[in-house]
Amino acid sequence: MRYLYEMGAALGCYMVVLVASLFALNQFQDADFVSRAIITLSPIIPAAFMCWAVVRKLRRLDEMQLRIQFEALGFAFAASALLTFSYGFMENIGAPHLPWLWVWPVMGLMWIVGLMIAKHRYQ
């Protein structure tokens, strides 16, 4: 339950900062590069707290749960690499360009798939 509070608070802060940064970027289009970079990177701060919540959750897991997470993350790493590399090659033959922002959702989805596989394996 503690994880849900930590992640929920970090995610809520992330959404607020993201919306504020997008609004600020629109308002300060003529600002210098450094100012715009600070504004556009500001959502990284609450995103770092999301990472912190995940690490804290992993530290509280027992050995079996940790093994399942480890296998799921290993699967997610490899599958995400294969998918993103494959799509990058497809762009060479005319597939539409996708921004890097799609990498994280692919990784998250592959983590979920990896969890399903690992949990099924140990049932």
N, C-alpha and C. Protein backbone atom coordinates (compact mmCIF):
# COMPACT_ATOMS: atom_id res chain seq x y z
N MET A 1 0.82 -1.19 0.00
CA MET A 1 0.00 0.00 0.00
C MET A 1 0.87 1.26 0.00
N ARG A 2 1.99 1.18 0.67
CA ARG A 2 2.90 2.32 0.73
C ARG A 2 3.38 2.70 -0.67
N TYR A 3 3.64 1.69 -1.49
CA TYR A 3 4.08 1.92 -2.87
C TYR A 3 3.04 2.71 -3.64
N LEU A 4 1.77 2.37 -3.46
CA LEU A 4 0.71 3.07 -4.18
C LEU A 4 0.67 4.55 -3.81
N TYR A 5 0.89 4.86 -2.55
CA TYR A 5 0.93 6.26 -2.14
C TYR A 5 2.13 6.98 -2.73
N GLU A 6 3.30 6.34 -2.65
CA GLU A 6 4.51 6.96 -3.18
C GLU A 6 4.41 7.16 -4.69
N MET A 7 3.98 6.12 -5.40
CA MET A 7 3.86 6.21 -6.85
C MET A 7 2.74 7.17 -7.24
N GLY A 8 1.64 7.11 -6.55
CA GLY A 8 0.51 8.00 -6.84
C GLY A 8 0.88 9.46 -6.66
N ALA A 9 1.58 9.78 -5.58
CA ALA A 9 2.00 11.16 -5.34
C ALA A 9 2.98 11.61 -6.42
N ALA A 10 3.94 10.75 -6.75
CA ALA A 10 4.92 11.11 -7.79
C ALA A 10 4.24 11.27 -9.14
N LEU A 11 3.31 10.39 -9.47
CA LEU A 11 2.61 10.47 -10.75
C LEU A 11 1.73 11.72 -10.81
N GLY A 12 1.07 12.04 -9.71
CA GLY A 12 0.27 13.26 -9.65
C GLY A 12 1.12 14.50 -9.86
N CYS A 13 2.27 14.56 -9.18
CA CYS A 13 3.19 15.68 -9.36
C CYS A 13 3.69 15.75 -10.80
N TYR A 14 3.99 14.58 -11.37
CA TYR A 14 4.46 14.53 -12.75
C TYR A 14 3.43 15.15 -13.69
N MET A 15 2.17 14.77 -13.53
CA MET A 15 1.13 15.29 -14.42
C MET A 15 0.98 16.81 -14.28
N VAL A 16 1.03 17.30 -13.05
CA VAL A 16 0.92 18.74 -12.83
C VAL A 16 2.10 19.48 -13.45
N VAL A 17 3.31 18.99 -13.20
CA VAL A 17 4.51 19.65 -13.73
C VAL A 17 4.54 19.55 -15.25
N LEU A 18 4.11 18.41 -15.81
CA LEU A 18 4.09 18.26 -17.26
C LEU A 18 3.16 19.29 -17.91
N VAL A 19 1.95 19.40 -17.39
CA VAL A 19 0.99 20.36 -17.94
C VAL A 19 1.53 21.78 -17.78
N ALA A 20 2.08 22.09 -16.60
CA ALA A 20 2.64 23.43 -16.37
C ALA A 20 3.80 23.71 -17.32
N SER A 21 4.65 22.71 -17.56
CA SER A 21 5.80 22.94 -18.45
C SER A 21 5.35 23.15 -19.89
N LEU A 22 4.34 22.41 -20.33
CA LEU A 22 3.83 22.60 -21.69
C LEU A 22 3.21 23.98 -21.84
N PHE A 23 2.47 24.43 -20.83
CA PHE A 23 1.90 25.76 -20.85
C PHE A 23 3.01 26.82 -20.85
N ALA A 24 4.01 26.63 -20.00
CA ALA A 24 5.12 27.59 -19.92
C ALA A 24 5.91 27.65 -21.23
N LEU A 25 6.13 26.51 -21.86
CA LEU A 25 6.83 26.50 -23.15
C LEU A 25 6.07 27.30 -24.20
N ASN A 26 4.75 27.19 -24.15
CA ASN A 26 3.92 27.94 -25.08
C ASN A 26 4.00 29.45 -24.80
N GLN A 27 4.09 29.80 -23.54
CA GLN A 27 4.15 31.21 -23.16
C GLN A 27 5.53 31.85 -23.38
N PHE A 28 6.57 31.04 -23.29
CA PHE A 28 7.95 31.56 -23.39
C PHE A 28 8.66 31.03 -24.63
N GLN A 29 7.99 31.08 -25.76
CA GLN A 29 8.58 30.58 -27.01
C GLN A 29 9.82 31.36 -27.42
N ASP A 30 9.91 32.61 -27.03
CA ASP A 30 11.06 33.44 -27.43
C ASP A 30 12.17 33.46 -26.39
N ALA A 31 12.04 32.67 -25.33
CA ALA A 31 13.07 32.63 -24.28
C ALA A 31 14.33 31.96 -24.84
N ASP A 32 15.43 32.16 -24.14
CA ASP A 32 16.69 31.56 -24.57
C ASP A 32 16.65 30.04 -24.40
N PHE A 33 17.61 29.38 -25.03
CA PHE A 33 17.66 27.91 -25.05
C PHE A 33 17.73 27.32 -23.65
N VAL A 34 18.55 27.90 -22.79
CA VAL A 34 18.73 27.35 -21.44
C VAL A 34 17.42 27.40 -20.67
N SER A 35 16.71 28.52 -20.76
CA SER A 35 15.42 28.64 -20.05
C SER A 35 14.41 27.63 -20.57
N ARG A 36 14.34 27.48 -21.88
CA ARG A 36 13.40 26.51 -22.47
C ARG A 36 13.81 25.09 -22.12
N ALA A 37 15.11 24.83 -22.04
CA ALA A 37 15.57 23.49 -21.65
C ALA A 37 15.18 23.18 -20.21
N ILE A 38 15.32 24.15 -19.34
CA ILE A 38 14.93 23.94 -17.93
C ILE A 38 13.44 23.67 -17.83
N ILE A 39 12.66 24.45 -18.57
CA ILE A 39 11.20 24.25 -18.54
C ILE A 39 10.83 22.88 -19.09
N THR A 40 11.39 22.52 -20.23
CA THR A 40 11.00 21.26 -20.86
C THR A 40 11.48 20.03 -20.09
N LEU A 41 12.58 20.17 -19.34
CA LEU A 41 13.09 19.04 -18.56
C LEU A 41 12.53 18.99 -17.14
N SER A 42 11.74 19.97 -16.75
CA SER A 42 11.21 20.00 -15.37
C SER A 42 10.40 18.76 -14.99
N PRO A 43 9.65 18.12 -15.91
CA PRO A 43 8.93 16.91 -15.50
C PRO A 43 9.85 15.74 -15.13
N ILE A 44 11.12 15.84 -15.43
CA ILE A 44 12.05 14.78 -15.06
C ILE A 44 12.19 14.67 -13.54
N ILE A 45 12.02 15.77 -12.84
CA ILE A 45 12.16 15.74 -11.38
C ILE A 45 11.12 14.83 -10.74
N PRO A 46 9.81 15.03 -11.00
CA PRO A 46 8.86 14.07 -10.42
C PRO A 46 8.98 12.67 -11.03
N ALA A 47 9.45 12.57 -12.28
CA ALA A 47 9.66 11.25 -12.87
C ALA A 47 10.75 10.50 -12.10
N ALA A 48 11.74 11.22 -11.61
CA ALA A 48 12.79 10.60 -10.80
C ALA A 48 12.20 10.04 -9.51
N PHE A 49 11.19 10.71 -8.95
CA PHE A 49 10.53 10.20 -7.75
C PHE A 49 9.73 8.94 -8.06
N MET A 50 9.24 8.81 -9.29
CA MET A 50 8.57 7.56 -9.68
C MET A 50 9.59 6.42 -9.69
N CYS A 51 10.78 6.70 -10.22
CA CYS A 51 11.85 5.69 -10.21
C CYS A 51 12.20 5.31 -8.78
N TRP A 52 12.30 6.30 -7.92
CA TRP A 52 12.60 6.08 -6.51
C TRP A 52 11.54 5.17 -5.87
N ALA A 53 10.26 5.40 -6.20
CA ALA A 53 9.18 4.57 -5.65
C ALA A 53 9.32 3.13 -6.12
N VAL A 54 9.68 2.93 -7.39
CA VAL A 54 9.84 1.57 -7.91
C VAL A 54 11.00 0.87 -7.20
N VAL A 55 12.12 1.55 -7.04
CA VAL A 55 13.28 0.95 -6.37
C VAL A 55 12.94 0.60 -4.93
N ARG A 56 12.24 1.49 -4.24
CA ARG A 56 11.85 1.20 -2.86
C ARG A 56 10.92 -0.01 -2.80
N LYS A 57 10.02 -0.13 -3.77
CA LYS A 57 9.12 -1.28 -3.83
C LYS A 57 9.91 -2.57 -4.05
N LEU A 58 10.88 -2.53 -4.97
CA LEU A 58 11.70 -3.71 -5.23
C LEU A 58 12.49 -4.12 -3.98
N ARG A 59 12.95 -3.17 -3.21
CA ARG A 59 13.71 -3.48 -1.99
C ARG A 59 12.85 -4.14 -0.92
N ARG A 60 11.54 -3.95 -0.98
CA ARG A 60 10.64 -4.53 0.02
C ARG A 60 10.12 -5.92 -0.38
N LEU A 61 10.46 -6.39 -1.57
CA LEU A 61 9.96 -7.68 -2.04
C LEU A 61 10.71 -8.84 -1.40
N ASP A 62 10.02 -9.98 -1.28
CA ASP A 62 10.72 -11.18 -0.82
C ASP A 62 11.50 -11.78 -2.00
N GLU A 63 12.24 -12.85 -1.74
CA GLU A 63 13.14 -13.40 -2.76
C GLU A 63 12.39 -13.88 -4.00
N MET A 64 11.24 -14.51 -3.81
CA MET A 64 10.49 -15.02 -4.96
C MET A 64 9.92 -13.89 -5.81
N GLN A 65 9.33 -12.91 -5.15
CA GLN A 65 8.79 -11.77 -5.88
C GLN A 65 9.90 -11.02 -6.61
N LEU A 66 11.05 -10.92 -5.97
CA LEU A 66 12.19 -10.25 -6.59
C LEU A 66 12.68 -11.00 -7.82
N ARG A 67 12.69 -12.31 -7.74
CA ARG A 67 13.10 -13.12 -8.89
C ARG A 67 12.14 -12.94 -10.07
N ILE A 68 10.84 -12.90 -9.76
CA ILE A 68 9.84 -12.68 -10.81
C ILE A 68 10.05 -11.32 -11.46
N GLN A 69 10.27 -10.29 -10.65
CA GLN A 69 10.52 -8.95 -11.19
C GLN A 69 11.80 -8.91 -12.02
N PHE A 70 12.82 -9.59 -11.54
CA PHE A 70 14.10 -9.63 -12.26
C PHE A 70 13.92 -10.26 -13.64
N GLU A 71 13.22 -11.37 -13.70
CA GLU A 71 12.97 -12.02 -14.98
C GLU A 71 12.12 -11.14 -15.89
N ALA A 72 11.12 -10.48 -15.32
CA ALA A 72 10.26 -9.60 -16.12
C ALA A 72 11.05 -8.42 -16.67
N LEU A 73 11.90 -7.85 -15.86
CA LEU A 73 12.72 -6.72 -16.33
C LEU A 73 13.74 -7.15 -17.37
N GLY A 74 14.31 -8.34 -17.19
CA GLY A 74 15.23 -8.86 -18.20
C GLY A 74 14.53 -9.07 -19.53
N PHE A 75 13.33 -9.64 -19.48
CA PHE A 75 12.53 -9.82 -20.69
C PHE A 75 12.21 -8.47 -21.31
N ALA A 76 11.78 -7.51 -20.48
CA ALA A 76 11.41 -6.18 -20.99
C ALA A 76 12.59 -5.50 -21.67
N PHE A 77 13.77 -5.61 -21.09
CA PHE A 77 14.96 -5.00 -21.68
C PHE A 77 15.24 -5.58 -23.06
N ALA A 78 15.28 -6.90 -23.14
CA ALA A 78 15.60 -7.55 -24.41
C ALA A 78 14.50 -7.35 -25.45
N ALA A 79 13.26 -7.52 -25.06
CA ALA A 79 12.15 -7.38 -26.01
C ALA A 79 12.03 -5.94 -26.50
N SER A 80 12.22 -4.97 -25.61
CA SER A 80 12.15 -3.56 -26.02
C SER A 80 13.27 -3.23 -27.00
N ALA A 81 14.44 -3.76 -26.75
CA ALA A 81 15.56 -3.54 -27.67
C ALA A 81 15.23 -4.11 -29.05
N LEU A 82 14.73 -5.34 -29.08
CA LEU A 82 14.38 -5.97 -30.36
C LEU A 82 13.29 -5.19 -31.10
N LEU A 83 12.26 -4.78 -30.38
CA LEU A 83 11.17 -4.05 -31.02
C LEU A 83 11.60 -2.69 -31.54
N THR A 84 12.33 -1.94 -30.71
CA THR A 84 12.74 -0.60 -31.15
C THR A 84 13.77 -0.66 -32.27
N PHE A 85 14.71 -1.60 -32.20
CA PHE A 85 15.67 -1.75 -33.29
C PHE A 85 14.96 -2.16 -34.57
N SER A 86 14.03 -3.11 -34.45
CA SER A 86 13.29 -3.57 -35.63
C SER A 86 12.52 -2.42 -36.27
N TYR A 87 11.86 -1.63 -35.44
CA TYR A 87 11.11 -0.51 -36.01
C TYR A 87 12.05 0.52 -36.62
N GLY A 88 13.19 0.73 -36.00
CA GLY A 88 14.18 1.64 -36.58
C GLY A 88 14.61 1.19 -37.97
N PHE A 89 14.79 -0.10 -38.16
CA PHE A 89 15.12 -0.63 -39.48
C PHE A 89 13.95 -0.45 -40.45
N MET A 90 12.72 -0.59 -39.94
CA MET A 90 11.55 -0.41 -40.79
C MET A 90 11.45 1.04 -41.28
N GLU A 91 11.92 1.98 -40.49
CA GLU A 91 11.92 3.38 -40.93
C GLU A 91 12.81 3.57 -42.16
N ASN A 92 13.83 2.72 -42.31
CA ASN A 92 14.71 2.80 -43.49
C ASN A 92 13.95 2.50 -44.78
N ILE A 93 12.84 1.78 -44.68
CA ILE A 93 12.10 1.44 -45.90
C ILE A 93 10.75 2.17 -45.97
N GLY A 94 10.63 3.25 -45.20
CA GLY A 94 9.46 4.11 -45.34
C GLY A 94 8.43 4.07 -44.24
N ALA A 95 8.63 3.28 -43.20
CA ALA A 95 7.67 3.30 -42.09
C ALA A 95 7.72 4.69 -41.45
N PRO A 96 6.61 5.18 -40.96
CA PRO A 96 6.61 6.54 -40.37
C PRO A 96 7.55 6.63 -39.17
N HIS A 97 8.20 7.76 -39.04
CA HIS A 97 9.11 7.99 -37.92
C HIS A 97 8.31 8.11 -36.62
N LEU A 98 8.76 7.41 -35.60
CA LEU A 98 8.15 7.53 -34.28
C LEU A 98 9.14 8.23 -33.35
N PRO A 99 8.67 9.17 -32.54
CA PRO A 99 9.57 9.84 -31.61
C PRO A 99 10.06 8.90 -30.50
N TRP A 100 11.14 9.28 -29.89
CA TRP A 100 11.73 8.49 -28.80
C TRP A 100 10.77 8.36 -27.61
N LEU A 101 9.80 9.21 -27.52
CA LEU A 101 8.85 9.13 -26.41
C LEU A 101 8.10 7.80 -26.39
N TRP A 102 8.13 7.05 -27.48
CA TRP A 102 7.45 5.77 -27.54
C TRP A 102 8.26 4.64 -26.90
N VAL A 103 9.53 4.87 -26.63
CA VAL A 103 10.36 3.80 -26.08
C VAL A 103 9.88 3.39 -24.69
N TRP A 104 9.60 4.37 -23.83
CA TRP A 104 9.18 4.02 -22.48
C TRP A 104 7.88 3.23 -22.45
N PRO A 105 6.84 3.64 -23.19
CA PRO A 105 5.63 2.81 -23.18
C PRO A 105 5.88 1.39 -23.67
N VAL A 106 6.75 1.23 -24.66
CA VAL A 106 7.10 -0.12 -25.13
C VAL A 106 7.76 -0.89 -23.99
N MET A 107 8.68 -0.26 -23.28
CA MET A 107 9.35 -0.93 -22.16
C MET A 107 8.35 -1.31 -21.07
N GLY A 108 7.44 -0.38 -20.76
CA GLY A 108 6.43 -0.68 -19.75
C GLY A 108 5.53 -1.83 -20.14
N LEU A 109 5.11 -1.85 -21.40
CA LEU A 109 4.28 -2.94 -21.89
C LEU A 109 5.04 -4.26 -21.85
N MET A 110 6.29 -4.24 -22.23
CA MET A 110 7.10 -5.47 -22.20
C MET A 110 7.34 -5.94 -20.76
N TRP A 111 7.42 -5.02 -19.82
CA TRP A 111 7.56 -5.38 -18.41
C TRP A 111 6.30 -6.12 -17.96
N ILE A 112 5.14 -5.61 -18.36
CA ILE A 112 3.88 -6.27 -18.01
C ILE A 112 3.81 -7.67 -18.62
N VAL A 113 4.19 -7.78 -19.90
CA VAL A 113 4.21 -9.10 -20.55
C VAL A 113 5.18 -10.03 -19.83
N GLY A 114 6.36 -9.50 -19.50
CA GLY A 114 7.35 -10.30 -18.77
C GLY A 114 6.85 -10.75 -17.41
N LEU A 115 6.11 -9.88 -16.72
CA LEU A 115 5.53 -10.27 -15.42
C LEU A 115 4.52 -11.39 -15.59
N MET A 116 3.71 -11.29 -16.61
CA MET A 116 2.72 -12.34 -16.85
C MET A 116 3.41 -13.67 -17.13
N ILE A 117 4.46 -13.65 -17.93
CA ILE A 117 5.19 -14.88 -18.25
C ILE A 117 5.85 -15.45 -17.00
N ALA A 118 6.55 -14.59 -16.24
CA ALA A 118 7.26 -15.06 -15.05
C ALA A 118 6.30 -15.56 -13.98
N LYS A 119 5.20 -14.85 -13.77
CA LYS A 119 4.23 -15.31 -12.76
C LYS A 119 3.63 -16.65 -13.15
N HIS A 120 3.34 -16.82 -14.43
CA HIS A 120 2.80 -18.10 -14.91
C HIS A 120 3.81 -19.22 -14.71
N ARG A 121 5.07 -18.90 -14.94
CA ARG A 121 6.12 -19.91 -14.78
C ARG A 121 6.23 -20.42 -13.36
N TYR A 122 6.02 -19.56 -12.38
CA TYR A 122 6.20 -19.95 -10.97
C TYR A 122 4.91 -20.31 -10.26
N GLN A 123 3.81 -20.45 -11.00
CA GLN A 123 2.55 -20.87 -10.34
C GLN A 123 2.49 -22.35 -10.19
